Amino acid sequence: MIFIDANIWCYYIDARLPEHHRVVPSVRKALTEDSVAINTVVAMELAHYLSRNMDGAAMRETMRALLNLGTLKIIDFDKRLLNESIGHLSVYSGSHGLGGRDATIIASILGHGIGVLYTHDRGLASLCQELGITIHDPVL
């Protein structure tokens, strides 16, 4: 299973971005050949980005289409993941500059046995590699 970070979804959906053409092949391949995961926090981050760059109806339709993909697993941000995220934040915020959203990604990946993270966030990628998570940056 592959967890896809919000920055990759933004690049994938927004054809105006220079990274768009680089991420499309990797994301399309993942969506057709693998199981893909996001958590509800990443979904909201993407919805926020889209709401600033599309009209409301287009944003809702884009999010509806994404969230209804058959190969997409949506990980609910529940109390257990909240506690795990807080734990990661307490350990890695000072030493690695980990933020709250990224702590939810790590908790989701580790808590659901996900082996691969697609991200263009170098700080998150570095910490995830230390934690044994395989990183793929489709932008590079």
C-alpha atoms as a PDB file:
ATOM      1  CA  MET A   1       0.000   0.000   0.000  1.00  0.00           C
ATOM      2  CA  ILE A   2       1.121   3.550  -0.784  1.00  0.00           C
ATOM      3  CA  PHE A   3       0.306   6.652   1.266  1.00  0.00           C
ATOM      4  CA  ILE A   4       0.186   9.769  -0.920  1.00  0.00           C
ATOM      5  CA  ASP A   5       0.919  13.113   0.745  1.00  0.00           C
ATOM      6  CA  ALA A   6      -1.206  16.185   0.006  1.00  0.00           C
ATOM      7  CA  ASN A   7       1.548  17.919  -1.960  1.00  0.00           C
ATOM      8  CA  ILE A   8       1.590  15.086  -4.510  1.00  0.00           C
ATOM      9  CA  TRP A   9      -2.224  15.183  -4.820  1.00  0.00           C
ATOM     10  CA  CYS A  10      -2.044  18.947  -5.421  1.00  0.00           C
ATOM     11  CA  TYR A  11       0.535  18.471  -8.169  1.00  0.00           C
ATOM     12  CA  TYR A  12      -1.509  15.621  -9.668  1.00  0.00           C
ATOM     13  CA  ILE A  13      -4.798  17.522  -9.788  1.00  0.00           C
ATOM     14  CA  ASP A  14      -3.611  21.058 -10.606  1.00  0.00           C
ATOM     15  CA  ALA A  15      -2.336  21.012 -14.197  1.00  0.00           C
ATOM     16  CA  ARG A  16      -1.101  24.606 -13.827  1.00  0.00           C
ATOM     17  CA  LEU A  17       1.696  23.520 -11.489  1.00  0.00           C
ATOM     18  CA  PRO A  18       5.103  22.800 -13.022  1.00  0.00           C
ATOM     19  CA  GLU A  19       5.323  19.511 -11.076  1.00  0.00           C
ATOM     20  CA  HIS A  20       2.054  18.226 -12.579  1.00  0.00           C
ATOM     21  CA  HIS A  21       3.498  16.446 -15.609  1.00  0.00           C
ATOM     22  CA  ARG A  22       6.115  14.710 -13.449  1.00  0.00           C
ATOM     23  CA  VAL A  23       3.735  13.207 -10.879  1.00  0.00           C
ATOM     24  CA  VAL A  24       0.893  12.116 -13.171  1.00  0.00           C
ATOM     25  CA  PRO A  25       2.524   8.854 -14.389  1.00  0.00           C
ATOM     26  CA  SER A  26       3.472   7.679 -10.877  1.00  0.00           C
ATOM     27  CA  VAL A  27       0.128   8.521  -9.302  1.00  0.00           C
ATOM     28  CA  ARG A  28      -1.882   6.994 -12.169  1.00  0.00           C
ATOM     29  CA  LYS A  29       0.209   3.829 -11.925  1.00  0.00           C
ATOM     30  CA  ALA A  30      -0.305   3.672  -8.158  1.00  0.00           C
ATOM     31  CA  LEU A  31      -4.049   4.182  -8.509  1.00  0.00           C
ATOM     32  CA  THR A  32      -4.395   1.412 -11.075  1.00  0.00           C
ATOM     33  CA  GLU A  33      -1.868  -1.127  -9.790  1.00  0.00           C
ATOM     34  CA  ASP A  34      -1.691  -0.612  -6.032  1.00  0.00           C
ATOM     35  CA  SER A  35      -3.807   0.245  -3.035  1.00  0.00           C
ATOM     36  CA  VAL A  36      -3.454   3.900  -2.112  1.00  0.00           C
ATOM     37  CA  ALA A  37      -4.141   5.495   1.263  1.00  0.00           C
ATOM     38  CA  ILE A  38      -4.670   8.951   2.692  1.00  0.00           C
ATOM     39  CA  ASN A  39      -5.888  10.029   6.082  1.00  0.00           C
ATOM     40  CA  THR A  40      -8.715  12.458   6.732  1.00  0.00           C
ATOM     41  CA  VAL A  41      -6.227  15.194   7.662  1.00  0.00           C
ATOM     42  CA  VAL A  42      -4.502  14.941   4.254  1.00  0.00           C
ATOM     43  CA  ALA A  43      -7.918  14.907   2.550  1.00  0.00           C
ATOM     44  CA  MET A  44      -8.825  18.157   4.319  1.00  0.00           C
ATOM     45  CA  GLU A  45      -5.476  19.725   3.433  1.00  0.00           C
ATOM     46  CA  LEU A  46      -6.086  18.881  -0.223  1.00  0.00           C
ATOM     47  CA  ALA A  47      -9.670  20.187  -0.045  1.00  0.00           C
ATOM     48  CA  HIS A  48      -8.343  23.436   1.438  1.00  0.00           C
ATOM     49  CA  TYR A  49      -5.839  23.833  -1.405  1.00  0.00           C
ATOM     50  CA  LEU A  50      -8.509  23.104  -4.005  1.00  0.00           C
ATOM     51  CA  SER A  51     -10.969  25.529  -2.383  1.00  0.00           C
ATOM     52  CA  ARG A  52      -8.431  28.312  -2.917  1.00  0.00           C
ATOM     53  CA  ASN A  53      -7.887  27.358  -6.561  1.00  0.00           C
ATOM     54  CA  MET A  54     -11.327  26.241  -7.835  1.00  0.00           C
ATOM     55  CA  ASP A  55     -14.910  27.302  -7.415  1.00  0.00           C
ATOM     56  CA  GLY A  56     -16.830  25.471  -4.710  1.00  0.00           C
ATOM     57  CA  ALA A  57     -18.725  23.118  -7.018  1.00  0.00           C
ATOM     58  CA  ALA A  58     -15.560  22.038  -8.848  1.00  0.00           C
ATOM     59  CA  MET A  59     -13.734  21.481  -5.564  1.00  0.00           C
ATOM     60  CA  ARG A  60     -16.562  19.343  -4.169  1.00  0.00           C
ATOM     61  CA  GLU A  61     -16.764  17.296  -7.376  1.00  0.00           C
ATOM     62  CA  THR A  62     -12.983  16.766  -7.471  1.00  0.00           C
ATOM     63  CA  MET A  63     -12.918  15.658  -3.840  1.00  0.00           C
ATOM     64  CA  ARG A  64     -15.979  13.426  -4.337  1.00  0.00           C
ATOM     65  CA  ALA A  65     -14.302  11.717  -7.294  1.00  0.00           C
ATOM     66  CA  LEU A  66     -11.066  11.213  -5.370  1.00  0.00           C
ATOM     67  CA  LEU A  67     -12.695   9.945  -2.186  1.00  0.00           C
ATOM     68  CA  ASN A  68     -14.816   7.460  -4.156  1.00  0.00           C
ATOM     69  CA  LEU A  69     -11.901   5.819  -5.971  1.00  0.00           C
ATOM     70  CA  GLY A  70     -12.087   2.064  -5.508  1.00  0.00           C
ATOM     71  CA  THR A  71      -8.358   1.759  -4.865  1.00  0.00           C
ATOM     72  CA  LEU A  72      -8.284   4.509  -2.213  1.00  0.00           C
ATOM     73  CA  LYS A  73      -8.312   3.663   1.488  1.00  0.00           C
ATOM     74  CA  ILE A  74      -9.261   6.578   3.719  1.00  0.00           C
ATOM     75  CA  ILE A  75      -7.808   6.321   7.205  1.00  0.00           C
ATOM     76  CA  ASP A  76     -10.014   8.005   9.791  1.00  0.00           C
ATOM     77  CA  PHE A  77      -8.209  10.270  12.199  1.00  0.00           C
ATOM     78  CA  ASP A  78      -9.572   8.787  15.397  1.00  0.00           C
ATOM     79  CA  LYS A  79      -8.528   9.011  19.047  1.00  0.00           C
ATOM     80  CA  ARG A  80      -5.955   6.224  18.652  1.00  0.00           C
ATOM     81  CA  LEU A  81      -4.252   7.999  15.738  1.00  0.00           C
ATOM     82  CA  LEU A  82      -4.473  11.279  17.629  1.00  0.00           C
ATOM     83  CA  ASN A  83      -2.576   9.772  20.561  1.00  0.00           C
ATOM     84  CA  GLU A  84       0.004   8.150  18.271  1.00  0.00           C
ATOM     85  CA  SER A  85       0.449  11.439  16.393  1.00  0.00           C
ATOM     86  CA  ILE A  86       0.999  13.304  19.645  1.00  0.00           C
ATOM     87  CA  GLY A  87       3.593  10.696  20.611  1.00  0.00           C
ATOM     88  CA  HIS A  88       5.507  11.147  17.331  1.00  0.00           C
ATOM     89  CA  LEU A  89       5.262  14.922  17.684  1.00  0.00           C
ATOM     90  CA  SER A  90       6.689  14.789  21.202  1.00  0.00           C
ATOM     91  CA  VAL A  91       9.664  12.722  20.019  1.00  0.00           C
ATOM     92  CA  TYR A  92      10.457  14.318  16.651  1.00  0.00           C
ATOM     93  CA  SER A  93       9.300  17.948  16.725  1.00  0.00           C
ATOM     94  CA  GLY A  94      12.494  19.243  18.291  1.00  0.00           C
ATOM     95  CA  SER A  95      15.008  16.904  16.681  1.00  0.00           C
ATOM     96  CA  HIS A  96      13.476  16.768  13.181  1.00  0.00           C
ATOM     97  CA  GLY A  97      11.135  19.772  13.039  1.00  0.00           C
ATOM     98  CA  LEU A  98       8.115  17.480  12.697  1.00  0.00           C
ATOM     99  CA  GLY A  99       4.803  19.314  12.501  1.00  0.00           C
ATOM    100  CA  GLY A 100       1.356  18.161  13.526  1.00  0.00           C
ATOM    101  CA  ARG A 101       0.069  17.247  10.055  1.00  0.00           C
ATOM    102  CA  ASP A 102       3.186  15.238   9.281  1.00  0.00           C
ATOM    103  CA  ALA A 103       2.875  13.488  12.643  1.00  0.00           C
ATOM    104  CA  THR A 104      -0.584  12.291  11.537  1.00  0.00           C
ATOM    105  CA  ILE A 105       0.934  10.899   8.341  1.00  0.00           C
ATOM    106  CA  ILE A 106       3.598   8.960  10.243  1.00  0.00           C
ATOM    107  CA  ALA A 107       1.028   7.618  12.715  1.00  0.00           C
ATOM    108  CA  SER A 108      -1.232   6.551   9.848  1.00  0.00           C
ATOM    109  CA  ILE A 109       1.565   4.832   7.940  1.00  0.00           C
ATOM    110  CA  LEU A 110       3.002   3.000  10.939  1.00  0.00           C
ATOM    111  CA  GLY A 111      -0.404   2.198  12.413  1.00  0.00           C
ATOM    112  CA  HIS A 112      -1.693   0.621   9.206  1.00  0.00           C
ATOM    113  CA  GLY A 113       1.421  -1.201   8.010  1.00  0.00           C
ATOM    114  CA  ILE A 114       1.888   0.997   4.941  1.00  0.00           C
ATOM    115  CA  GLY A 115       5.303   0.561   3.372  1.00  0.00           C
ATOM    116  CA  VAL A 116       5.633   3.466   0.929  1.00  0.00           C
ATOM    117  CA  LEU A 117       5.093   7.227   1.126  1.00  0.00           C
ATOM    118  CA  TYR A 118       4.856   9.440  -1.961  1.00  0.00           C
ATOM    119  CA  THR A 119       5.909  12.939  -0.912  1.00  0.00           C
ATOM    120  CA  HIS A 120       7.925  15.914  -2.080  1.00  0.00           C
ATOM    121  CA  ASP A 121       8.458  17.093   1.508  1.00  0.00           C
ATOM    122  CA  ARG A 122      12.175  16.546   2.131  1.00  0.00           C
ATOM    123  CA  GLY A 123      11.955  16.875   5.916  1.00  0.00           C
ATOM    124  CA  LEU A 124       9.145  14.359   6.204  1.00  0.00           C
ATOM    125  CA  ALA A 125      10.902  12.058   3.739  1.00  0.00           C
ATOM    126  CA  SER A 126      14.124  12.116   5.750  1.00  0.00           C
ATOM    127  CA  LEU A 127      12.422  11.206   9.020  1.00  0.00           C
ATOM    128  CA  CYS A 128      10.301   8.501   7.362  1.00  0.00           C
ATOM    129  CA  GLN A 129      13.416   6.915   5.888  1.00  0.00           C
ATOM    130  CA  GLU A 130      14.923   6.802   9.383  1.00  0.00           C
ATOM    131  CA  LEU A 131      11.747   5.025  10.524  1.00  0.00           C
ATOM    132  CA  GLY A 132      12.063   2.412   7.771  1.00  0.00           C
ATOM    133  CA  ILE A 133       9.400   3.787   5.430  1.00  0.00           C
ATOM    134  CA  THR A 134      10.233   3.695   1.721  1.00  0.00           C
ATOM    135  CA  ILE A 135      10.042   7.118   0.089  1.00  0.00           C
ATOM    136  CA  HIS A 136       9.149   7.855  -3.507  1.00  0.00           C
ATOM    137  CA  ASP A 137       9.301  11.440  -4.754  1.00  0.00           C
ATOM    138  CA  PRO A 138       7.627  11.467  -8.177  1.00  0.00           C
ATOM    139  CA  VAL A 139       8.705  15.074  -8.731  1.00  0.00           C
ATOM    140  CA  LEU A 140      12.401  14.125  -8.945  1.00  0.00           C
END
